[in-house]
C-alpha atoms as a PDB file:
ATOM      1  CA  MET A   1      98.228  96.136  89.532  1.00  0.00           C
ATOM      2  CA  ASN A   2      97.760 100.000  89.875  1.00  0.00           C
ATOM      3  CA  ASN A   3      99.080 102.701  87.287  1.00  0.00           C
ATOM      4  CA  LEU A   4     102.892 101.657  88.561  1.00  0.00           C
ATOM      5  CA  GLY A   5     102.056  98.479  86.969  1.00  0.00           C
ATOM      6  CA  ALA A   6     100.877  99.877  83.930  1.00  0.00           C
ATOM      7  CA  ILE A   7     103.965 101.849  83.617  1.00  0.00           C
ATOM      8  CA  VAL A   8     106.258  99.100  84.593  1.00  0.00           C
ATOM      9  CA  ILE A   9     104.766  96.700  81.724  1.00  0.00           C
ATOM     10  CA  ALA A  10     104.639  99.662  79.173  1.00  0.00           C
ATOM     11  CA  LEU A  11     108.406 100.537  79.706  1.00  0.00           C
ATOM     12  CA  ILE A  12     109.671  96.854  79.960  1.00  0.00           C
ATOM     13  CA  LEU A  13     108.142  96.421  76.581  1.00  0.00           C
ATOM     14  CA  PHE A  14     109.653  99.512  75.366  1.00  0.00           C
ATOM     15  CA  THR A  15     113.183  99.023  76.486  1.00  0.00           C
ATOM     16  CA  GLY A  16     113.048  95.020  76.313  1.00  0.00           C
ATOM     17  CA  CYS A  17     112.444  92.348  78.904  1.00  0.00           C
ATOM     18  CA  SER A  18     115.225  92.287  81.552  1.00  0.00           C
ATOM     19  CA  THR A  19     116.915  88.472  82.242  1.00  0.00           C
ATOM     20  CA  VAL A  20     116.319  87.290  85.599  1.00  0.00           C
ATOM     21  CA  PRO A  21     119.532  85.124  86.470  1.00  0.00           C
ATOM     22  CA  ARG A  22     118.694  81.265  87.315  1.00  0.00           C
ATOM     23  CA  SER A  23     122.216  80.509  88.307  1.00  0.00           C
ATOM     24  CA  PHE A  24     124.851  82.618  89.795  1.00  0.00           C
ATOM     25  CA  HIS A  25     128.878  82.810  89.277  1.00  0.00           C
ATOM     26  CA  PRO A  26     130.433  85.170  92.101  1.00  0.00           C
ATOM     27  CA  GLU A  27     134.003  85.909  91.342  1.00  0.00           C
ATOM     28  CA  GLN A  28     134.982  85.530  94.803  1.00  0.00           C
ATOM     29  CA  PRO A  29     132.456  83.037  95.840  1.00  0.00           C
ATOM     30  CA  LEU A  30     131.665  82.490  99.800  1.00  0.00           C
ATOM     31  CA  ARG A  31     130.329  79.210 100.987  1.00  0.00           C
ATOM     32  CA  PHE A  32     127.138  79.411 102.284  1.00  0.00           C
ATOM     33  CA  GLN A  33     128.358  78.584 105.761  1.00  0.00           C
ATOM     34  CA  GLU A  34     130.409  82.039 105.938  1.00  0.00           C
ATOM     35  CA  PHE A  35     127.571  84.427 104.787  1.00  0.00           C
ATOM     36  CA  SER A  36     125.916  86.360 107.394  1.00  0.00           C
ATOM     37  CA  HIS A  37     123.254  88.906 107.426  1.00  0.00           C
ATOM     38  CA  LYS A  38     125.206  90.340 110.683  1.00  0.00           C
ATOM     39  CA  ASN A  39     126.339  93.416 109.258  1.00  0.00           C
ATOM     40  CA  PHE A  40     122.825  94.333 107.757  1.00  0.00           C
ATOM     41  CA  ASN A  41     121.075  93.424 110.878  1.00  0.00           C
ATOM     42  CA  GLU A  42     123.543  95.959 112.774  1.00  0.00           C
ATOM     43  CA  VAL A  43     122.781  98.687 110.296  1.00  0.00           C
ATOM     44  CA  LEU A  44     119.042  98.306 110.947  1.00  0.00           C
ATOM     45  CA  GLN A  45     119.580  98.259 114.618  1.00  0.00           C
ATOM     46  CA  SER A  46     121.603 101.238 114.433  1.00  0.00           C
ATOM     47  CA  HIS A  47     119.556 103.460 111.965  1.00  0.00           C
ATOM     48  CA  VAL A  48     116.158 102.398 111.834  1.00  0.00           C
ATOM     49  CA  SER A  49     113.539 103.442 114.434  1.00  0.00           C
ATOM     50  CA  GLU A  50     109.920 102.668 114.156  1.00  0.00           C
ATOM     51  CA  GLY A  51     110.362 102.186 110.638  1.00  0.00           C
ATOM     52  CA  VAL A  52     111.858 105.591 110.022  1.00  0.00           C
ATOM     53  CA  VAL A  53     114.949 105.350 108.025  1.00  0.00           C
ATOM     54  CA  LYS A  54     118.243 107.334 108.680  1.00  0.00           C
ATOM     55  CA  TYR A  55     119.698 107.138 105.051  1.00  0.00           C
ATOM     56  CA  SER A  56     122.593 109.697 105.777  1.00  0.00           C
ATOM     57  CA  GLN A  57     123.954 107.905 108.640  1.00  0.00           C
ATOM     58  CA  ILE A  58     123.499 104.720 106.580  1.00  0.00           C
ATOM     59  CA  ALA A  59     125.613 106.117 103.720  1.00  0.00           C
ATOM     60  CA  LYS A  60     128.393 106.713 106.203  1.00  0.00           C
ATOM     61  CA  ASP A  61     128.306 103.212 107.734  1.00  0.00           C
ATOM     62  CA  ALA A  62     130.904 100.915 106.307  1.00  0.00           C
ATOM     63  CA  ARG A  63     128.943  97.882 107.289  1.00  0.00           C
ATOM     64  CA  PHE A  64     126.284  98.543 104.973  1.00  0.00           C
ATOM     65  CA  GLN A  65     128.700  98.522 102.026  1.00  0.00           C
ATOM     66  CA  ALA A  66     130.304  95.334 103.428  1.00  0.00           C
ATOM     67  CA  TYR A  67     127.161  93.676 103.100  1.00  0.00           C
ATOM     68  CA  ILE A  68     126.276  94.857  99.507  1.00  0.00           C
ATOM     69  CA  PHE A  69     129.764  93.399  98.756  1.00  0.00           C
ATOM     70  CA  GLN A  70     128.623  90.061 100.441  1.00  0.00           C
ATOM     71  CA  LEU A  71     125.545  89.662  98.643  1.00  0.00           C
ATOM     72  CA  ASP A  72     127.692  89.593  95.532  1.00  0.00           C
ATOM     73  CA  ARG A  73     129.931  86.990  96.563  1.00  0.00           C
ATOM     74  CA  LEU A  74     127.244  84.111  97.509  1.00  0.00           C
ATOM     75  CA  ASP A  75     125.559  82.164  95.089  1.00  0.00           C
ATOM     76  CA  PRO A  76     122.064  82.044  96.793  1.00  0.00           C
ATOM     77  CA  ASN A  77     121.264  78.732  95.489  1.00  0.00           C
ATOM     78  CA  THR A  78     123.734  76.983  97.549  1.00  0.00           C
ATOM     79  CA  LEU A  79     121.452  77.760 100.757  1.00  0.00           C
ATOM     80  CA  PRO A  80     120.229  74.619 102.094  1.00  0.00           C
ATOM     81  CA  THR A  81     116.668  75.340 103.007  1.00  0.00           C
ATOM     82  CA  LYS A  82     113.769  77.222 101.376  1.00  0.00           C
ATOM     83  CA  ASP A  83     113.633  79.473 104.550  1.00  0.00           C
ATOM     84  CA  ASP A  84     117.332  80.288 104.199  1.00  0.00           C
ATOM     85  CA  ARG A  85     116.679  81.450 100.484  1.00  0.00           C
ATOM     86  CA  LEU A  86     113.510  83.171 101.200  1.00  0.00           C
ATOM     87  CA  ALA A  87     115.354  85.247 104.321  1.00  0.00           C
ATOM     88  CA  PHE A  88     118.107  85.963 101.775  1.00  0.00           C
ATOM     89  CA  TRP A  89     116.007  87.580  99.114  1.00  0.00           C
ATOM     90  CA  ILE A  90     113.919  89.722 101.596  1.00  0.00           C
ATOM     91  CA  ASN A  91     116.918  90.830 102.880  1.00  0.00           C
ATOM     92  CA  ALA A  92     118.657  91.411  99.899  1.00  0.00           C
ATOM     93  CA  TYR A  93     115.374  93.374  98.646  1.00  0.00           C
ATOM     94  CA  ASN A  94     115.446  95.749 101.521  1.00  0.00           C
ATOM     95  CA  ALA A  95     119.146  96.339 101.197  1.00  0.00           C
ATOM     96  CA  PHE A  96     119.213  97.133  97.511  1.00  0.00           C
ATOM     97  CA  ALA A  97     115.940  99.492  98.253  1.00  0.00           C
ATOM     98  CA  ILE A  98     118.017 101.444 100.341  1.00  0.00           C
ATOM     99  CA  LYS A  99     120.964 101.602  98.077  1.00  0.00           C
ATOM    100  CA  GLY A 100     118.985 102.851  95.302  1.00  0.00           C
ATOM    101  CA  ILE A 101     117.862 105.638  97.539  1.00  0.00           C
ATOM    102  CA  LEU A 102     121.665 106.216  98.171  1.00  0.00           C
ATOM    103  CA  ASN A 103     122.458 106.244  94.688  1.00  0.00           C
ATOM    104  CA  GLY A 104     120.058 109.040  94.053  1.00  0.00           C
ATOM    105  CA  TYR A 105     116.908 107.279  92.869  1.00  0.00           C
ATOM    106  CA  SER A 106     113.335 108.116  94.067  1.00  0.00           C
ATOM    107  CA  PRO A 107     110.086 106.216  93.472  1.00  0.00           C
ATOM    108  CA  ARG A 108     108.282 109.651  94.185  1.00  0.00           C
ATOM    109  CA  THR A 109     107.017 110.102  90.362  1.00  0.00           C
ATOM    110  CA  LYS A 110     105.995 107.605  87.633  1.00  0.00           C
ATOM    111  CA  PHE A 111     109.599 107.979  85.664  1.00  0.00           C
ATOM    112  CA  GLY A 112     111.053 107.853  89.103  1.00  0.00           C
ATOM    113  CA  GLN A 113     109.469 104.483  89.689  1.00  0.00           C
ATOM    114  CA  TRP A 114     110.801 103.068  86.421  1.00  0.00           C
ATOM    115  CA  ARG A 115     114.083 104.241  87.328  1.00  0.00           C
ATOM    116  CA  TYR A 116     114.173 102.786  90.886  1.00  0.00           C
ATOM    117  CA  PHE A 117     112.468  99.521  90.357  1.00  0.00           C
ATOM    118  CA  ILE A 118     113.490  98.702  86.734  1.00  0.00           C
ATOM    119  CA  GLY A 119     116.649 101.235  85.828  1.00  0.00           C
ATOM    120  CA  GLN A 120     118.753 100.557  88.884  1.00  0.00           C
ATOM    121  CA  LYS A 121     120.491  96.942  88.858  1.00  0.00           C
ATOM    122  CA  TYR A 122     122.121  95.397  91.802  1.00  0.00           C
ATOM    123  CA  GLN A 123     124.748  92.408  92.166  1.00  0.00           C
ATOM    124  CA  VAL A 124     123.934  89.301  93.568  1.00  0.00           C
ATOM    125  CA  GLY A 125     126.318  86.139  93.225  1.00  0.00           C
ATOM    126  CA  GLY A 126     127.857  87.721  90.351  1.00  0.00           C
ATOM    127  CA  GLU A 127     124.981  88.320  88.465  1.00  0.00           C
ATOM    128  CA  SER A 128     122.562  91.657  88.249  1.00  0.00           C
ATOM    129  CA  LEU A 129     118.971  92.209  88.631  1.00  0.00           C
ATOM    130  CA  ASN A 130     116.588  94.810  89.428  1.00  0.00           C
ATOM    131  CA  LEU A 131     114.297  95.257  92.386  1.00  0.00           C
ATOM    132  CA  TYR A 132     111.227  94.620  89.993  1.00  0.00           C
ATOM    133  CA  ASP A 133     112.664  91.176  88.788  1.00  0.00           C
ATOM    134  CA  LEU A 134     113.629  90.397  92.477  1.00  0.00           C
ATOM    135  CA  GLU A 135     109.973  90.887  93.367  1.00  0.00           C
ATOM    136  CA  GLN A 136     108.205  89.477  90.550  1.00  0.00           C
ATOM    137  CA  ALA A 137     110.132  86.508  89.190  1.00  0.00           C
ATOM    138  CA  ILE A 138     112.045  85.465  92.572  1.00  0.00           C
ATOM    139  CA  LEU A 139     109.922  86.354  95.733  1.00  0.00           C
ATOM    140  CA  ILE A 140     106.745  85.899  94.104  1.00  0.00           C
ATOM    141  CA  LYS A 141     106.971  82.912  91.594  1.00  0.00           C
ATOM    142  CA  GLU A 142     109.305  80.780  93.715  1.00  0.00           C
ATOM    143  CA  PHE A 143     107.958  81.177  97.025  1.00  0.00           C
ATOM    144  CA  HIS A 144     104.385  81.788  96.751  1.00  0.00           C
ATOM    145  CA  GLU A 145     104.449  83.433 100.169  1.00  0.00           C
ATOM    146  CA  PRO A 146     101.966  86.317 100.570  1.00  0.00           C
ATOM    147  CA  ARG A 147     103.370  87.711 103.773  1.00  0.00           C
ATOM    148  CA  MET A 148     106.506  88.656 102.088  1.00  0.00           C
ATOM    149  CA  HIS A 149     104.693  91.682 100.813  1.00  0.00           C
ATOM    150  CA  PHE A 150     104.688  92.912 104.360  1.00  0.00           C
ATOM    151  CA  ALA A 151     108.397  92.426 104.648  1.00  0.00           C
ATOM    152  CA  ILE A 152     110.052  94.316 101.732  1.00  0.00           C
ATOM    153  CA  VAL A 153     110.006  97.639 101.861  1.00  0.00           C
ATOM    154  CA  CYS A 154     110.342 100.168  98.842  1.00  0.00           C
ATOM    155  CA  ALA A 155     111.345 103.142 100.796  1.00  0.00           C
ATOM    156  CA  SER A 156     108.209 104.484 100.720  1.00  0.00           C
ATOM    157  CA  LYS A 157     105.595 105.883 103.651  1.00  0.00           C
ATOM    158  CA  SER A 158     102.719 103.693 102.376  1.00  0.00           C
ATOM    159  CA  CYS A 159     105.087 100.547 102.370  1.00  0.00           C
ATOM    160  CA  PRO A 160     105.278  98.357 105.486  1.00  0.00           C
ATOM    161  CA  LYS A 161     107.517  99.823 107.917  1.00  0.00           C
ATOM    162  CA  LEU A 162     111.055  98.806 107.651  1.00  0.00           C
ATOM    163  CA  ARG A 163     112.030  96.599 110.931  1.00  0.00           C
ATOM    164  CA  SER A 164     115.216  97.110 112.982  1.00  0.00           C
ATOM    165  CA  TRP A 165     116.357  93.570 112.502  1.00  0.00           C
ATOM    166  CA  VAL A 166     116.952  91.183 109.273  1.00  0.00           C
ATOM    167  CA  TYR A 167     114.692  88.166 108.614  1.00  0.00           C
ATOM    168  CA  SER A 168     116.459  85.227 110.141  1.00  0.00           C
ATOM    169  CA  PRO A 169     115.564  81.539 108.426  1.00  0.00           C
ATOM    170  CA  ALA A 170     115.442  80.483 112.423  1.00  0.00           C
ATOM    171  CA  LYS A 171     112.663  82.829 112.962  1.00  0.00           C
ATOM    172  CA  LEU A 172     111.155  83.202 109.510  1.00  0.00           C
ATOM    173  CA  ASN A 173     107.578  82.482 110.211  1.00  0.00           C
ATOM    174  CA  GLU A 174     107.251  84.321 113.556  1.00  0.00           C
ATOM    175  CA  GLN A 175     108.857  87.550 112.212  1.00  0.00           C
ATOM    176  CA  LEU A 176     106.436  87.446 108.843  1.00  0.00           C
ATOM    177  CA  ASN A 177     103.515  86.548 110.925  1.00  0.00           C
ATOM    178  CA  ASP A 178     104.437  89.615 113.039  1.00  0.00           C
ATOM    179  CA  SER A 179     105.083  91.764 110.329  1.00  0.00           C
ATOM    180  CA  ALA A 180     101.790  90.729 108.540  1.00  0.00           C
ATOM    181  CA  SER A 181      99.973  91.775 111.812  1.00  0.00           C
ATOM    182  CA  ARG A 182     101.550  95.029 112.404  1.00  0.00           C
ATOM    183  CA  PHE A 183     101.037  96.107 108.884  1.00  0.00           C
ATOM    184  CA  ILE A 184      97.284  94.908 108.736  1.00  0.00           C
ATOM    185  CA  ASN A 185      96.262  96.312 111.927  1.00  0.00           C
ATOM    186  CA  ASP A 186      98.086  99.776 111.376  1.00  0.00           C
ATOM    187  CA  PRO A 187      95.175 102.123 110.803  1.00  0.00           C
ATOM    188  CA  THR A 188      97.268 104.319 108.783  1.00  0.00           C
ATOM    189  CA  ARG A 189      97.480 101.612 106.115  1.00  0.00           C
ATOM    190  CA  ASN A 190      94.302  99.710 106.611  1.00  0.00           C
ATOM    191  CA  ARG A 191      91.053 100.427 108.340  1.00  0.00           C
ATOM    192  CA  PHE A 192      87.640  98.931 108.650  1.00  0.00           C
ATOM    193  CA  ASP A 193      84.123 100.616 108.577  1.00  0.00           C
ATOM    194  CA  ARG A 194      82.082  98.036 110.608  1.00  0.00           C
ATOM    195  CA  GLU A 195      78.834 100.214 110.466  1.00  0.00           C
ATOM    196  CA  GLU A 196      79.115 100.622 106.535  1.00  0.00           C
ATOM    197  CA  LYS A 197      80.662  97.046 106.139  1.00  0.00           C
ATOM    198  CA  VAL A 198      83.665  98.532 104.180  1.00  0.00           C
ATOM    199  CA  ALA A 199      87.283  97.539 104.209  1.00  0.00           C
ATOM    200  CA  TYR A 200      89.821 100.262 103.199  1.00  0.00           C
ATOM    201  CA  LEU A 201      92.903  98.293 102.396  1.00  0.00           C
ATOM    202  CA  SER A 202      96.480  99.274 101.280  1.00  0.00           C
ATOM    203  CA  LYS A 203      96.980  99.368  97.586  1.00  0.00           C
ATOM    204  CA  ILE A 204      99.505  96.266  97.949  1.00  0.00           C
ATOM    205  CA  PHE A 205      96.226  94.134  98.157  1.00  0.00           C
ATOM    206  CA  ASP A 206      95.245  95.715  94.702  1.00  0.00           C
ATOM    207  CA  TRP A 207      98.657  95.233  93.289  1.00  0.00           C
ATOM    208  CA  PHE A 208      98.807  91.732  94.529  1.00  0.00           C
ATOM    209  CA  THR A 209      95.474  90.209  94.924  1.00  0.00           C
ATOM    210  CA  GLU A 210      96.134  87.178  92.838  1.00  0.00           C
ATOM    211  CA  ASP A 211      98.465  86.160  95.623  1.00  0.00           C
ATOM    212  CA  PHE A 212      96.221  86.802  98.816  1.00  0.00           C
ATOM    213  CA  VAL A 213      93.231  85.359  96.803  1.00  0.00           C
ATOM    214  CA  ALA A 214      95.175  82.335  95.977  1.00  0.00           C
ATOM    215  CA  HIS A 215      96.052  81.819  99.340  1.00  0.00           C
ATOM    216  CA  SER A 216      92.744  82.558 101.158  1.00  0.00           C
ATOM    217  CA  GLY A 217      90.101  82.784  98.655  1.00  0.00           C
ATOM    218  CA  SER A 218      89.476  86.340  99.097  1.00  0.00           C
ATOM    219  CA  LEU A 219      91.197  89.573 100.283  1.00  0.00           C
ATOM    220  CA  THR A 220      88.921  89.677 103.356  1.00  0.00           C
ATOM    221  CA  ASN A 221      89.642  86.072 104.359  1.00  0.00           C
ATOM    222  CA  TYR A 222      93.227  86.858 104.209  1.00  0.00           C
ATOM    223  CA  VAL A 223      93.233  89.966 106.395  1.00  0.00           C
ATOM    224  CA  SER A 224      90.775  88.163 108.698  1.00  0.00           C
ATOM    225  CA  GLN A 225      93.544  86.033 109.937  1.00  0.00           C
ATOM    226  CA  PHE A 226      95.678  89.014 110.922  1.00  0.00           C
ATOM    227  CA  VAL A 227      93.457  91.398 112.625  1.00  0.00           C
ATOM    228  CA  GLN A 228      93.495  91.429 116.140  1.00  0.00           C
ATOM    229  CA  ASP A 229      89.900  92.397 116.850  1.00  0.00           C
ATOM    230  CA  SER A 230      88.252  88.809 117.050  1.00  0.00           C
ATOM    231  CA  ALA A 231      84.714  90.131 116.278  1.00  0.00           C
ATOM    232  CA  LEU A 232      86.338  92.295 113.415  1.00  0.00           C
ATOM    233  CA  ALA A 233      87.979  89.136 112.023  1.00  0.00           C
ATOM    234  CA  HIS A 234      84.670  86.996 112.227  1.00  0.00           C
ATOM    235  CA  GLU A 235      82.784  89.737 110.371  1.00  0.00           C
ATOM    236  CA  LEU A 236      85.245  89.839 107.726  1.00  0.00           C
ATOM    237  CA  ARG A 237      85.052  85.903 107.142  1.00  0.00           C
ATOM    238  CA  THR A 238      81.250  85.890 107.175  1.00  0.00           C
ATOM    239  CA  THR A 239      79.965  89.056 105.880  1.00  0.00           C
ATOM    240  CA  ASN A 240      80.040  90.623 102.830  1.00  0.00           C
ATOM    241  CA  TYR A 241      82.177  93.515 103.160  1.00  0.00           C
ATOM    242  CA  THR A 242      83.083  95.829 100.067  1.00  0.00           C
ATOM    243  CA  VAL A 243      86.671  96.154  99.506  1.00  0.00           C
ATOM    244  CA  LYS A 244      88.097  99.974  98.645  1.00  0.00           C
ATOM    245  CA  PHE A 245      91.910 100.604  98.249  1.00  0.00           C
ATOM    246  CA  LEU A 246      93.602 103.637 100.044  1.00  0.00           C
ATOM    247  CA  ASP A 247      96.080 106.021  98.001  1.00  0.00           C
ATOM    248  CA  TYR A 248      99.518 105.344  98.019  1.00  0.00           C
ATOM    249  CA  ASP A 249     102.102 107.535  99.385  1.00  0.00           C
ATOM    250  CA  TRP A 250     105.345 107.336  97.622  1.00  0.00           C
ATOM    251  CA  ASN A 251     107.216 109.707  99.854  1.00  0.00           C
ATOM    252  CA  LEU A 252     110.399 108.880 101.297  1.00  0.00           C
ATOM    253  CA  ASN A 253     110.087 106.646 104.608  1.00  0.00           C
ATOM    254  CA  GLY A 254     112.792 108.607 106.310  1.00  0.00           C
ATOM    255  CA  ILE A 255     115.461 111.014 106.616  1.00  0.00           C
ATOM    256  CA  PRO A 256     116.780 111.630 102.949  1.00  0.00           C
ATOM    257  CA  PRO A 257     120.541 111.137 102.295  1.00  0.00           C
ATOM    258  CA  LYS A 258     122.851 114.186 101.643  1.00  0.00           C
ATOM    259  CA  LEU A 259     123.636 113.695  97.873  1.00  0.00           C
END
């Protein structure tokens, strides 16, 4: 974990560990058959283009707030399959990351990162949690799916691009593969010097090295699965590439809201 991780750990110790809900108690519960990501999907289709988020327009879109309310009415533990639950939590993270920006928070500064990822709480199924716990204690620990790191978007330019659609249980594997491929093959986020045998990777691979290594044995093995250049993919698997991590741009990934 980078300096953000050190800040997070220090501030958690200082302020006291947060509690991640394991059971949920919505006041006006929805059956899982009644729950839908439709509103959020329409918001993304209307206000996200090539990863650029139009926050001011989302702030005025009643469908977004309706979706936020709906998240608080569902007990996610009632969702029938693992893919249902993983899609739910990825979409919830992305919606709450947008909500944090609309609420006036920003991860641009070190203190801003604490306020954005830890200090701001959101409601799911009648319980509260923050973005940090949603990622670390739910998405990472419960699902062990490294591709989700290319699906969740913390409103910054170096994050994966926010897609113009929600993650769907029926298409989840295809969607995660597509998001991983797009991120890894984006030269503004990862690049490869074949002459010097250096892989310049996103800081995401630094912060979550354990997840990728546990899956594939090494970072270069992991990225080789998604690299579109077959010769480069072979080199990454068979040649000793040095890995270096690129700086992370915490500037906003879109047009800021008018606060």
